[in-house]
Amino acid sequence: MHAWLHRTGTARFTVREAFTALPRNRFRKVGELETPLDLLEQLGWIRREPEPPRTGPGRRPSPAYAVHPCLHDPSHTGMRP
């Protein structure tokens, strides 16, 4: 997942977008993304954004994450931002 974020240069993504983009042989269900997302958040590479208010019936929006800008900085070589 870290490699996907680095490769795509995305500044913000939803869990649904990540699940769609990542290989099915690695993540077969959306729930399998929880552990990698938690780890990236603990390391400071991503930050979960507040959920927008629900405005009606239907599925709630997919959780969104902001990506730390250091992830896309070629001069940054450390593990933590």
C-alpha atoms as a PDB file:
ATOM      1  CA  MET A   1       0.000   0.000   0.000  1.00  0.00           C
ATOM      2  CA  HIS A   2       2.881   2.386   0.826  1.00  0.00           C
ATOM      3  CA  ALA A   3       4.338   1.696  -2.636  1.00  0.00           C
ATOM      4  CA  TRP A   4       0.975   2.425  -4.280  1.00  0.00           C
ATOM      5  CA  LEU A   5       0.704   5.769  -2.484  1.00  0.00           C
ATOM      6  CA  HIS A   6       4.275   6.672  -3.428  1.00  0.00           C
ATOM      7  CA  ARG A   7       3.854   5.551  -7.052  1.00  0.00           C
ATOM      8  CA  THR A   8       0.542   7.348  -7.656  1.00  0.00           C
ATOM      9  CA  GLY A   9       1.501  10.557  -5.864  1.00  0.00           C
ATOM     10  CA  THR A  10      -1.991  10.887  -4.467  1.00  0.00           C
ATOM     11  CA  ALA A  11      -2.561  13.477  -1.757  1.00  0.00           C
ATOM     12  CA  ARG A  12      -5.920  12.049  -0.650  1.00  0.00           C
ATOM     13  CA  PHE A  13      -7.716   8.747  -1.163  1.00  0.00           C
ATOM     14  CA  THR A  14     -10.710   6.777   0.022  1.00  0.00           C
ATOM     15  CA  VAL A  15     -10.647   3.193   1.217  1.00  0.00           C
ATOM     16  CA  ARG A  16     -12.794   2.295  -1.798  1.00  0.00           C
ATOM     17  CA  GLU A  17     -10.264   3.876  -4.188  1.00  0.00           C
ATOM     18  CA  ALA A  18      -7.386   1.983  -2.554  1.00  0.00           C
ATOM     19  CA  PHE A  19      -9.263  -1.315  -2.659  1.00  0.00           C
ATOM     20  CA  THR A  20     -10.060  -0.836  -6.336  1.00  0.00           C
ATOM     21  CA  ALA A  21      -6.458   0.050  -7.222  1.00  0.00           C
ATOM     22  CA  LEU A  22      -4.638  -2.620  -5.207  1.00  0.00           C
ATOM     23  CA  PRO A  23      -4.182  -6.214  -6.426  1.00  0.00           C
ATOM     24  CA  ARG A  24      -6.964  -8.695  -5.615  1.00  0.00           C
ATOM     25  CA  ASN A  25      -4.459 -11.461  -4.833  1.00  0.00           C
ATOM     26  CA  ARG A  26      -3.172  -9.343  -1.928  1.00  0.00           C
ATOM     27  CA  PHE A  27      -6.413  -7.770  -0.633  1.00  0.00           C
ATOM     28  CA  ARG A  28      -9.491  -9.867  -1.356  1.00  0.00           C
ATOM     29  CA  LYS A  29     -11.860  -7.948   0.932  1.00  0.00           C
ATOM     30  CA  VAL A  30     -12.040  -4.306   1.984  1.00  0.00           C
ATOM     31  CA  GLY A  31     -11.623  -5.359   5.611  1.00  0.00           C
ATOM     32  CA  GLU A  32      -8.133  -6.655   4.828  1.00  0.00           C
ATOM     33  CA  LEU A  33      -7.023  -3.042   4.323  1.00  0.00           C
ATOM     34  CA  GLU A  34      -7.631  -2.150   7.987  1.00  0.00           C
ATOM     35  CA  THR A  35      -4.285  -3.423   9.292  1.00  0.00           C
ATOM     36  CA  PRO A  36      -2.112  -1.736   6.637  1.00  0.00           C
ATOM     37  CA  LEU A  37      -4.095   1.508   6.974  1.00  0.00           C
ATOM     38  CA  ASP A  38      -3.717   1.447  10.769  1.00  0.00           C
ATOM     39  CA  LEU A  39       0.035   0.876  10.454  1.00  0.00           C
ATOM     40  CA  LEU A  40       0.504   3.696   7.935  1.00  0.00           C
ATOM     41  CA  GLU A  41      -1.516   5.975  10.199  1.00  0.00           C
ATOM     42  CA  GLN A  42       0.559   5.038  13.267  1.00  0.00           C
ATOM     43  CA  LEU A  43       3.747   5.767  11.305  1.00  0.00           C
ATOM     44  CA  GLY A  44       2.374   9.161  10.289  1.00  0.00           C
ATOM     45  CA  TRP A  45       2.215   8.562   6.524  1.00  0.00           C
ATOM     46  CA  ILE A  46      -1.563   8.975   6.365  1.00  0.00           C
ATOM     47  CA  ARG A  47      -4.236  10.658   8.496  1.00  0.00           C
ATOM     48  CA  ARG A  48      -7.903   9.722   8.519  1.00  0.00           C
ATOM     49  CA  GLU A  49     -10.158  12.637   7.664  1.00  0.00           C
ATOM     50  CA  PRO A  50     -13.352  13.318   9.622  1.00  0.00           C
ATOM     51  CA  GLU A  51     -16.436  11.700   8.153  1.00  0.00           C
ATOM     52  CA  PRO A  52     -18.772  14.104   6.376  1.00  0.00           C
ATOM     53  CA  PRO A  53     -22.290  14.343   7.801  1.00  0.00           C
ATOM     54  CA  ARG A  54     -24.836  11.941   6.324  1.00  0.00           C
ATOM     55  CA  THR A  55     -27.353  13.720   4.161  1.00  0.00           C
ATOM     56  CA  GLY A  56     -29.825  10.975   3.395  1.00  0.00           C
ATOM     57  CA  PRO A  57     -30.409   7.282   2.930  1.00  0.00           C
ATOM     58  CA  GLY A  58     -27.961   4.907   1.329  1.00  0.00           C
ATOM     59  CA  ARG A  59     -24.433   3.783   1.916  1.00  0.00           C
ATOM     60  CA  ARG A  60     -22.257   6.014   4.048  1.00  0.00           C
ATOM     61  CA  PRO A  61     -19.213   7.501   2.292  1.00  0.00           C
ATOM     62  CA  SER A  62     -15.998   5.506   2.233  1.00  0.00           C
ATOM     63  CA  PRO A  63     -13.478   6.689   4.854  1.00  0.00           C
ATOM     64  CA  ALA A  64     -10.939   9.124   3.406  1.00  0.00           C
ATOM     65  CA  TYR A  65      -7.283   9.621   4.234  1.00  0.00           C
ATOM     66  CA  ALA A  66      -4.855  12.474   3.654  1.00  0.00           C
ATOM     67  CA  VAL A  67      -1.313  11.478   2.636  1.00  0.00           C
ATOM     68  CA  HIS A  68       1.704  13.136   4.267  1.00  0.00           C
ATOM     69  CA  PRO A  69       3.501  15.280   1.635  1.00  0.00           C
ATOM     70  CA  CYS A  70       6.907  13.798   2.577  1.00  0.00           C
ATOM     71  CA  LEU A  71       5.825  10.535   0.974  1.00  0.00           C
ATOM     72  CA  HIS A  72       6.132  12.195  -2.439  1.00  0.00           C
ATOM     73  CA  ASP A  73       9.308  14.164  -1.732  1.00  0.00           C
ATOM     74  CA  PRO A  74      12.231  12.438  -3.504  1.00  0.00           C
ATOM     75  CA  SER A  75      14.737  13.990  -1.075  1.00  0.00           C
ATOM     76  CA  HIS A  76      13.025  12.354   1.925  1.00  0.00           C
ATOM     77  CA  THR A  77      14.744   9.070   2.779  1.00  0.00           C
ATOM     78  CA  GLY A  78      13.658   8.402   6.388  1.00  0.00           C
ATOM     79  CA  MET A  79      10.916   6.012   7.473  1.00  0.00           C
ATOM     80  CA  ARG A  80       8.921   8.601   9.382  1.00  0.00           C
ATOM     81  CA  PRO A  81       7.720  11.955   8.078  1.00  0.00           C
END
